[in-house]
Amino acid sequence: MPDDVPVDSNAPADLSHAGAVVDKAIEYMTGQNIGSLAIASALLGGAMALLSRGMSDDAIVGILNNAIASVRTGELRKPAE
């Protein structure tokens, strides 16, 4: 983990809660007939803006490179176990 990434002792609980909130937001936007691409773009843009507030550009690039690697390996398309 990069040195400039803050370590939060509540990360697992916070991540679960944040994930549930995002799932509800997606459900709501889908119910409002907002397209998947628009929803995903808005969430990605918001996430990038949030990351840029507390991380270096290099740390953000590292996160994006991990996401790219997941796409290239097909990890995002594998069925949940």
PDB file of N, CA and C in Angstrom:
ATOM      1  N   MET A   1       0.852  -1.191   0.000  1.00  0.00           N
ATOM      2  CA  MET A   1       0.000   0.000   0.000  1.00  0.00           C
ATOM      3  C   MET A   1       0.885   1.237   0.000  1.00  0.00           C
ATOM      4  N   PRO A   2       0.577   2.211  -0.836  1.00  0.00           N
ATOM      5  CA  PRO A   2       1.398   3.429  -0.862  1.00  0.00           C
ATOM      6  C   PRO A   2       1.407   4.138   0.482  1.00  0.00           C
ATOM      7  N   ASP A   3       2.515   4.847   0.752  1.00  0.00           N
ATOM      8  CA  ASP A   3       2.669   5.528   2.039  1.00  0.00           C
ATOM      9  C   ASP A   3       1.623   6.610   2.280  1.00  0.00           C
ATOM     10  N   ASP A   4       1.101   7.216   1.218  1.00  0.00           N
ATOM     11  CA  ASP A   4       0.176   8.328   1.412  1.00  0.00           C
ATOM     12  C   ASP A   4      -1.284   7.888   1.511  1.00  0.00           C
ATOM     13  N   VAL A   5      -1.518   6.579   1.559  1.00  0.00           N
ATOM     14  CA  VAL A   5      -2.884   6.085   1.716  1.00  0.00           C
ATOM     15  C   VAL A   5      -3.165   5.956   3.204  1.00  0.00           C
ATOM     16  N   PRO A   6      -4.167   6.682   3.711  1.00  0.00           N
ATOM     17  CA  PRO A   6      -4.465   6.579   5.133  1.00  0.00           C
ATOM     18  C   PRO A   6      -5.004   5.199   5.472  1.00  0.00           C
ATOM     19  N   VAL A   7      -4.582   4.681   6.609  1.00  0.00           N
ATOM     20  CA  VAL A   7      -5.055   3.381   7.070  1.00  0.00           C
ATOM     21  C   VAL A   7      -6.173   3.629   8.070  1.00  0.00           C
ATOM     22  N   ASP A   8      -7.316   3.020   7.815  1.00  0.00           N
ATOM     23  CA  ASP A   8      -8.488   3.206   8.655  1.00  0.00           C
ATOM     24  C   ASP A   8      -8.807   1.886   9.331  1.00  0.00           C
ATOM     25  N   SER A   9      -8.784   1.852  10.659  1.00  0.00           N
ATOM     26  CA  SER A   9      -9.042   0.609  11.373  1.00  0.00           C
ATOM     27  C   SER A   9     -10.466   0.117  11.187  1.00  0.00           C
ATOM     28  N   ASN A  10     -11.392   0.975  10.729  1.00  0.00           N
ATOM     29  CA  ASN A  10     -12.774   0.574  10.476  1.00  0.00           C
ATOM     30  C   ASN A  10     -13.015   0.235   9.009  1.00  0.00           C
ATOM     31  N   ALA A  11     -11.957   0.077   8.227  1.00  0.00           N
ATOM     32  CA  ALA A  11     -12.099  -0.103   6.778  1.00  0.00           C
ATOM     33  C   ALA A  11     -13.053  -1.231   6.400  1.00  0.00           C
ATOM     34  N   PRO A  12     -12.956  -2.437   6.953  1.00  0.00           N
ATOM     35  CA  PRO A  12     -13.879  -3.485   6.509  1.00  0.00           C
ATOM     36  C   PRO A  12     -15.351  -3.139   6.770  1.00  0.00           C
ATOM     37  N   ALA A  13     -15.661  -2.614   7.926  1.00  0.00           N
ATOM     38  CA  ALA A  13     -17.042  -2.238   8.236  1.00  0.00           C
ATOM     39  C   ALA A  13     -17.467  -1.062   7.378  1.00  0.00           C
ATOM     40  N   ASP A  14     -16.589  -0.086   7.214  1.00  0.00           N
ATOM     41  CA  ASP A  14     -16.899   1.072   6.383  1.00  0.00           C
ATOM     42  C   ASP A  14     -17.100   0.666   4.934  1.00  0.00           C
ATOM     43  N   LEU A  15     -16.267  -0.260   4.445  1.00  0.00           N
ATOM     44  CA  LEU A  15     -16.384  -0.708   3.063  1.00  0.00           C
ATOM     45  C   LEU A  15     -17.709  -1.415   2.837  1.00  0.00           C
ATOM     46  N   SER A  16     -18.104  -2.244   3.752  1.00  0.00           N
ATOM     47  CA  SER A  16     -19.381  -2.948   3.635  1.00  0.00           C
ATOM     48  C   SER A  16     -20.545  -1.963   3.625  1.00  0.00           C
ATOM     49  N   HIS A  17     -20.500  -1.001   4.522  1.00  0.00           N
ATOM     50  CA  HIS A  17     -21.559   0.014   4.597  1.00  0.00           C
ATOM     51  C   HIS A  17     -21.589   0.865   3.341  1.00  0.00           C
ATOM     52  N   ALA A  18     -20.418   1.325   2.910  1.00  0.00           N
ATOM     53  CA  ALA A  18     -20.340   2.145   1.697  1.00  0.00           C
ATOM     54  C   ALA A  18     -20.837   1.357   0.489  1.00  0.00           C
ATOM     55  N   GLY A  19     -20.475   0.095   0.402  1.00  0.00           N
ATOM     56  CA  GLY A  19     -20.935  -0.747  -0.704  1.00  0.00           C
ATOM     57  C   GLY A  19     -22.446  -0.877  -0.731  1.00  0.00           C
ATOM     58  N   ALA A  20     -23.040  -1.033   0.444  1.00  0.00           N
ATOM     59  CA  ALA A  20     -24.499  -1.139   0.524  1.00  0.00           C
ATOM     60  C   ALA A  20     -25.163   0.166   0.087  1.00  0.00           C
ATOM     61  N   VAL A  21     -24.591   1.293   0.481  1.00  0.00           N
ATOM     62  CA  VAL A  21     -25.144   2.594   0.086  1.00  0.00           C
ATOM     63  C   VAL A  21     -25.037   2.773  -1.426  1.00  0.00           C
ATOM     64  N   VAL A  22     -23.892   2.411  -2.002  1.00  0.00           N
ATOM     65  CA  VAL A  22     -23.713   2.529  -3.447  1.00  0.00           C
ATOM     66  C   VAL A  22     -24.696   1.610  -4.174  1.00  0.00           C
ATOM     67  N   ASP A  23     -24.873   0.389  -3.679  1.00  0.00           N
ATOM     68  CA  ASP A  23     -25.842  -0.531  -4.292  1.00  0.00           C
ATOM     69  C   ASP A  23     -27.240   0.078  -4.310  1.00  0.00           C
ATOM     70  N   LYS A  24     -27.638   0.713  -3.213  1.00  0.00           N
ATOM     71  CA  LYS A  24     -28.954   1.359  -3.150  1.00  0.00           C
ATOM     72  C   LYS A  24     -29.039   2.541  -4.102  1.00  0.00           C
ATOM     73  N   ALA A  25     -27.955   3.301  -4.205  1.00  0.00           N
ATOM     74  CA  ALA A  25     -27.938   4.438  -5.130  1.00  0.00           C
ATOM     75  C   ALA A  25     -28.080   3.950  -6.567  1.00  0.00           C
ATOM     76  N   ILE A  26     -27.390   2.875  -6.912  1.00  0.00           N
ATOM     77  CA  ILE A  26     -27.496   2.308  -8.257  1.00  0.00           C
ATOM     78  C   ILE A  26     -28.918   1.815  -8.509  1.00  0.00           C
ATOM     79  N   GLU A  27     -29.480   1.135  -7.528  1.00  0.00           N
ATOM     80  CA  GLU A  27     -30.860   0.654  -7.641  1.00  0.00           C
ATOM     81  C   GLU A  27     -31.824   1.823  -7.869  1.00  0.00           C
ATOM     82  N   TYR A  28     -31.633   2.891  -7.129  1.00  0.00           N
ATOM     83  CA  TYR A  28     -32.487   4.071  -7.271  1.00  0.00           C
ATOM     84  C   TYR A  28     -32.338   4.686  -8.664  1.00  0.00           C
ATOM     85  N   MET A  29     -31.095   4.887  -9.102  1.00  0.00           N
ATOM     86  CA  MET A  29     -30.879   5.506 -10.407  1.00  0.00           C
ATOM     87  C   MET A  29     -31.414   4.633 -11.534  1.00  0.00           C
ATOM     88  N   THR A  30     -31.260   3.338 -11.414  1.00  0.00           N
ATOM     89  CA  THR A  30     -31.822   2.422 -12.412  1.00  0.00           C
ATOM     90  C   THR A  30     -33.334   2.554 -12.447  1.00  0.00           C
ATOM     91  N   GLY A  31     -33.947   2.677 -11.280  1.00  0.00           N
ATOM     92  CA  GLY A  31     -35.389   2.872 -11.187  1.00  0.00           C
ATOM     93  C   GLY A  31     -35.842   4.189 -11.783  1.00  0.00           C
ATOM     94  N   GLN A  32     -34.934   5.149 -11.871  1.00  0.00           N
ATOM     95  CA  GLN A  32     -35.225   6.453 -12.482  1.00  0.00           C
ATOM     96  C   GLN A  32     -34.929   6.432 -13.989  1.00  0.00           C
ATOM     97  N   ASN A  33     -34.693   5.248 -14.513  1.00  0.00           N
ATOM     98  CA  ASN A  33     -34.392   5.040 -15.935  1.00  0.00           C
ATOM     99  C   ASN A  33     -33.136   5.776 -16.396  1.00  0.00           C
ATOM    100  N   ILE A  34     -32.162   5.867 -15.513  1.00  0.00           N
ATOM    101  CA  ILE A  34     -30.856   6.406 -15.880  1.00  0.00           C
ATOM    102  C   ILE A  34     -30.054   5.233 -16.443  1.00  0.00           C
ATOM    103  N   GLY A  35     -29.421   5.438 -17.573  1.00  0.00           N
ATOM    104  CA  GLY A  35     -28.680   4.365 -18.231  1.00  0.00           C
ATOM    105  C   GLY A  35     -27.468   3.898 -17.446  1.00  0.00           C
ATOM    106  N   SER A  36     -27.121   2.651 -17.672  1.00  0.00           N
ATOM    107  CA  SER A  36     -25.982   2.043 -16.974  1.00  0.00           C
ATOM    108  C   SER A  36     -24.683   2.797 -17.205  1.00  0.00           C
ATOM    109  N   LEU A  37     -24.443   3.237 -18.433  1.00  0.00           N
ATOM    110  CA  LEU A  37     -23.212   3.968 -18.720  1.00  0.00           C
ATOM    111  C   LEU A  37     -23.171   5.290 -17.965  1.00  0.00           C
ATOM    112  N   ALA A  38     -24.295   5.991 -17.906  1.00  0.00           N
ATOM    113  CA  ALA A  38     -24.348   7.255 -17.169  1.00  0.00           C
ATOM    114  C   ALA A  38     -24.117   7.025 -15.678  1.00  0.00           C
ATOM    115  N   ILE A  39     -24.730   5.990 -15.141  1.00  0.00           N
ATOM    116  CA  ILE A  39     -24.553   5.674 -13.715  1.00  0.00           C
ATOM    117  C   ILE A  39     -23.089   5.355 -13.430  1.00  0.00           C
ATOM    118  N   ALA A  40     -22.527   4.459 -14.226  1.00  0.00           N
ATOM    119  CA  ALA A  40     -21.138   4.054 -14.010  1.00  0.00           C
ATOM    120  C   ALA A  40     -20.184   5.237 -14.171  1.00  0.00           C
ATOM    121  N   SER A  41     -20.428   6.070 -15.166  1.00  0.00           N
ATOM    122  CA  SER A  41     -19.563   7.233 -15.387  1.00  0.00           C
ATOM    123  C   SER A  41     -19.634   8.204 -14.220  1.00  0.00           C
ATOM    124  N   ALA A  42     -20.836   8.431 -13.706  1.00  0.00           N
ATOM    125  CA  ALA A  42     -20.995   9.329 -12.563  1.00  0.00           C
ATOM    126  C   ALA A  42     -20.316   8.764 -11.319  1.00  0.00           C
ATOM    127  N   LEU A  43     -20.461   7.475 -11.086  1.00  0.00           N
ATOM    128  CA  LEU A  43     -19.820   6.855  -9.921  1.00  0.00           C
ATOM    129  C   LEU A  43     -18.303   6.883 -10.047  1.00  0.00           C
ATOM    130  N   LEU A  44     -17.806   6.591 -11.247  1.00  0.00           N
ATOM    131  CA  LEU A  44     -16.358   6.617 -11.457  1.00  0.00           C
ATOM    132  C   LEU A  44     -15.811   8.034 -11.297  1.00  0.00           C
ATOM    133  N   GLY A  45     -16.506   9.003 -11.872  1.00  0.00           N
ATOM    134  CA  GLY A  45     -16.071  10.391 -11.727  1.00  0.00           C
ATOM    135  C   GLY A  45     -16.054  10.831 -10.274  1.00  0.00           C
ATOM    136  N   GLY A  46     -17.089  10.462  -9.533  1.00  0.00           N
ATOM    137  CA  GLY A  46     -17.143  10.798  -8.115  1.00  0.00           C
ATOM    138  C   GLY A  46     -16.032  10.119  -7.328  1.00  0.00           C
ATOM    139  N   ALA A  47     -15.771   8.859  -7.658  1.00  0.00           N
ATOM    140  CA  ALA A  47     -14.704   8.123  -6.978  1.00  0.00           C
ATOM    141  C   ALA A  47     -13.343   8.744  -7.260  1.00  0.00           C
ATOM    142  N   MET A  48     -13.124   9.128  -8.509  1.00  0.00           N
ATOM    143  CA  MET A  48     -11.849   9.747  -8.863  1.00  0.00           C
ATOM    144  C   MET A  48     -11.671  11.081  -8.137  1.00  0.00           C
ATOM    145  N   ALA A  49     -12.732  11.860  -8.070  1.00  0.00           N
ATOM    146  CA  ALA A  49     -12.656  13.144  -7.362  1.00  0.00           C
ATOM    147  C   ALA A  49     -12.355  12.925  -5.886  1.00  0.00           C
ATOM    148  N   LEU A  50     -12.984  11.920  -5.286  1.00  0.00           N
ATOM    149  CA  LEU A  50     -12.750  11.621  -3.873  1.00  0.00           C
ATOM    150  C   LEU A  50     -11.317  11.153  -3.646  1.00  0.00           C
ATOM    151  N   LEU A  51     -10.830  10.271  -4.503  1.00  0.00           N
ATOM    152  CA  LEU A  51      -9.452   9.804  -4.369  1.00  0.00           C
ATOM    153  C   LEU A  51      -8.459  10.946  -4.502  1.00  0.00           C
ATOM    154  N   SER A  52      -8.729  11.869  -5.420  1.00  0.00           N
ATOM    155  CA  SER A  52      -7.775  12.959  -5.665  1.00  0.00           C
ATOM    156  C   SER A  52      -7.641  13.900  -4.478  1.00  0.00           C
ATOM    157  N   ARG A  53      -8.597  13.866  -3.582  1.00  0.00           N
ATOM    158  CA  ARG A  53      -8.528  14.721  -2.393  1.00  0.00           C
ATOM    159  C   ARG A  53      -7.493  14.254  -1.385  1.00  0.00           C
ATOM    160  N   GLY A  54      -7.202  12.939  -1.378  1.00  0.00           N
ATOM    161  CA  GLY A  54      -6.326  12.447  -0.324  1.00  0.00           C
ATOM    162  C   GLY A  54      -5.211  11.538  -0.777  1.00  0.00           C
ATOM    163  N   MET A  55      -5.004  11.418  -2.092  1.00  0.00           N
ATOM    164  CA  MET A  55      -3.964  10.520  -2.588  1.00  0.00           C
ATOM    165  C   MET A  55      -3.136  11.226  -3.645  1.00  0.00           C
ATOM    166  N   SER A  56      -1.931  10.757  -3.795  1.00  0.00           N
ATOM    167  CA  SER A  56      -1.068  11.286  -4.853  1.00  0.00           C
ATOM    168  C   SER A  56      -1.543  10.757  -6.202  1.00  0.00           C
ATOM    169  N   ASP A  57      -1.133  11.447  -7.249  1.00  0.00           N
ATOM    170  CA  ASP A  57      -1.463  10.984  -8.599  1.00  0.00           C
ATOM    171  C   ASP A  57      -0.921   9.577  -8.838  1.00  0.00           C
ATOM    172  N   ASP A  58       0.285   9.298  -8.353  1.00  0.00           N
ATOM    173  CA  ASP A  58       0.876   7.972  -8.539  1.00  0.00           C
ATOM    174  C   ASP A  58       0.057   6.881  -7.856  1.00  0.00           C
ATOM    175  N   ALA A  59      -0.475   7.173  -6.682  1.00  0.00           N
ATOM    176  CA  ALA A  59      -1.299   6.192  -5.983  1.00  0.00           C
ATOM    177  C   ALA A  59      -2.594   5.934  -6.756  1.00  0.00           C
ATOM    178  N   ILE A  60      -3.178   6.989  -7.308  1.00  0.00           N
ATOM    179  CA  ILE A  60      -4.399   6.835  -8.102  1.00  0.00           C
ATOM    180  C   ILE A  60      -4.106   6.037  -9.358  1.00  0.00           C
ATOM    181  N   VAL A  61      -2.996   6.297 -10.010  1.00  0.00           N
ATOM    182  CA  VAL A  61      -2.609   5.529 -11.199  1.00  0.00           C
ATOM    183  C   VAL A  61      -2.442   4.058 -10.844  1.00  0.00           C
ATOM    184  N   GLY A  62      -1.887   3.776  -9.675  1.00  0.00           N
ATOM    185  CA  GLY A  62      -1.748   2.387  -9.227  1.00  0.00           C
ATOM    186  C   GLY A  62      -3.094   1.703  -9.082  1.00  0.00           C
ATOM    187  N   ILE A  63      -4.050   2.407  -8.516  1.00  0.00           N
ATOM    188  CA  ILE A  63      -5.403   1.864  -8.371  1.00  0.00           C
ATOM    189  C   ILE A  63      -6.015   1.611  -9.749  1.00  0.00           C
ATOM    190  N   LEU A  64      -5.869   2.561 -10.637  1.00  0.00           N
ATOM    191  CA  LEU A  64      -6.404   2.403 -11.991  1.00  0.00           C
ATOM    192  C   LEU A  64      -5.716   1.271 -12.737  1.00  0.00           C
ATOM    193  N   ASN A  65      -4.402   1.112 -12.549  1.00  0.00           N
ATOM    194  CA  ASN A  65      -3.701  -0.002 -13.183  1.00  0.00           C
ATOM    195  C   ASN A  65      -4.204  -1.344 -12.666  1.00  0.00           C
ATOM    196  N   ASN A  66      -4.513  -1.422 -11.372  1.00  0.00           N
ATOM    197  CA  ASN A  66      -5.095  -2.654 -10.826  1.00  0.00           C
ATOM    198  C   ASN A  66      -6.455  -2.929 -11.446  1.00  0.00           C
ATOM    199  N   ALA A  67      -7.248  -1.880 -11.638  1.00  0.00           N
ATOM    200  CA  ALA A  67      -8.557  -2.041 -12.263  1.00  0.00           C
ATOM    201  C   ALA A  67      -8.400  -2.494 -13.714  1.00  0.00           C
ATOM    202  N   ILE A  68      -7.457  -1.915 -14.435  1.00  0.00           N
ATOM    203  CA  ILE A  68      -7.209  -2.313 -15.822  1.00  0.00           C
ATOM    204  C   ILE A  68      -6.789  -3.780 -15.888  1.00  0.00           C
ATOM    205  N   ALA A  69      -5.918  -4.186 -14.988  1.00  0.00           N
ATOM    206  CA  ALA A  69      -5.479  -5.584 -14.957  1.00  0.00           C
ATOM    207  C   ALA A  69      -6.658  -6.514 -14.706  1.00  0.00           C
ATOM    208  N   SER A  70      -7.578  -6.123 -13.839  1.00  0.00           N
ATOM    209  CA  SER A  70      -8.765  -6.935 -13.573  1.00  0.00           C
ATOM    210  C   SER A  70      -9.638  -7.081 -14.813  1.00  0.00           C
ATOM    211  N   VAL A  71      -9.750  -6.011 -15.578  1.00  0.00           N
ATOM    212  CA  VAL A  71     -10.525  -6.068 -16.823  1.00  0.00           C
ATOM    213  C   VAL A  71      -9.830  -6.999 -17.810  1.00  0.00           C
ATOM    214  N   ARG A  72      -8.538  -6.835 -17.971  1.00  0.00           N
ATOM    215  CA  ARG A  72      -7.791  -7.627 -18.952  1.00  0.00           C
ATOM    216  C   ARG A  72      -7.782  -9.116 -18.632  1.00  0.00           C
ATOM    217  N   THR A  73      -7.789  -9.463 -17.361  1.00  0.00           N
ATOM    218  CA  THR A  73      -7.781 -10.888 -16.986  1.00  0.00           C
ATOM    219  C   THR A  73      -9.178 -11.491 -16.964  1.00  0.00           C
ATOM    220  N   GLY A  74     -10.193 -10.661 -17.169  1.00  0.00           N
ATOM    221  CA  GLY A  74     -11.562 -11.165 -17.149  1.00  0.00           C
ATOM    222  C   GLY A  74     -12.134 -11.310 -15.755  1.00  0.00           C
ATOM    223  N   GLU A  75     -11.406 -10.822 -14.767  1.00  0.00           N
ATOM    224  CA  GLU A  75     -11.845 -10.970 -13.369  1.00  0.00           C
ATOM    225  C   GLU A  75     -13.216 -10.345 -13.112  1.00  0.00           C
ATOM    226  N   LEU A  76     -13.509  -9.245 -13.793  1.00  0.00           N
ATOM    227  CA  LEU A  76     -14.781  -8.571 -13.570  1.00  0.00           C
ATOM    228  C   LEU A  76     -15.955  -9.333 -14.160  1.00  0.00           C
ATOM    229  N   ARG A  77     -15.692 -10.231 -15.096  1.00  0.00           N
ATOM    230  CA  ARG A  77     -16.754 -10.976 -15.752  1.00  0.00           C
ATOM    231  C   ARG A  77     -16.958 -12.359 -15.152  1.00  0.00           C
ATOM    232  N   LYS A  78     -16.094 -12.771 -14.245  1.00  0.00           N
ATOM    233  CA  LYS A  78     -16.239 -14.088 -13.620  1.00  0.00           C
ATOM    234  C   LYS A  78     -17.454 -14.086 -12.706  1.00  0.00           C
ATOM    235  N   PRO A  79     -18.213 -15.180 -12.712  1.00  0.00           N
ATOM    236  CA  PRO A  79     -19.379 -15.253 -11.818  1.00  0.00           C
ATOM    237  C   PRO A  79     -18.953 -15.232 -10.348  1.00  0.00           C
ATOM    238  N   ALA A  80     -19.770 -14.592  -9.532  1.00  0.00           N
ATOM    239  CA  ALA A  80     -19.487 -14.539  -8.084  1.00  0.00           C
ATOM    240  C   ALA A  80     -19.571 -15.942  -7.510  1.00  0.00           C
ATOM    241  N   GLU A  81     -18.649 -16.251  -6.624  1.00  0.00           N
ATOM    242  CA  GLU A  81     -18.648 -17.585  -6.012  1.00  0.00           C
ATOM    243  C   GLU A  81     -19.393 -17.576  -4.713  1.00  0.00           C
TER     244      GLU A  81
END
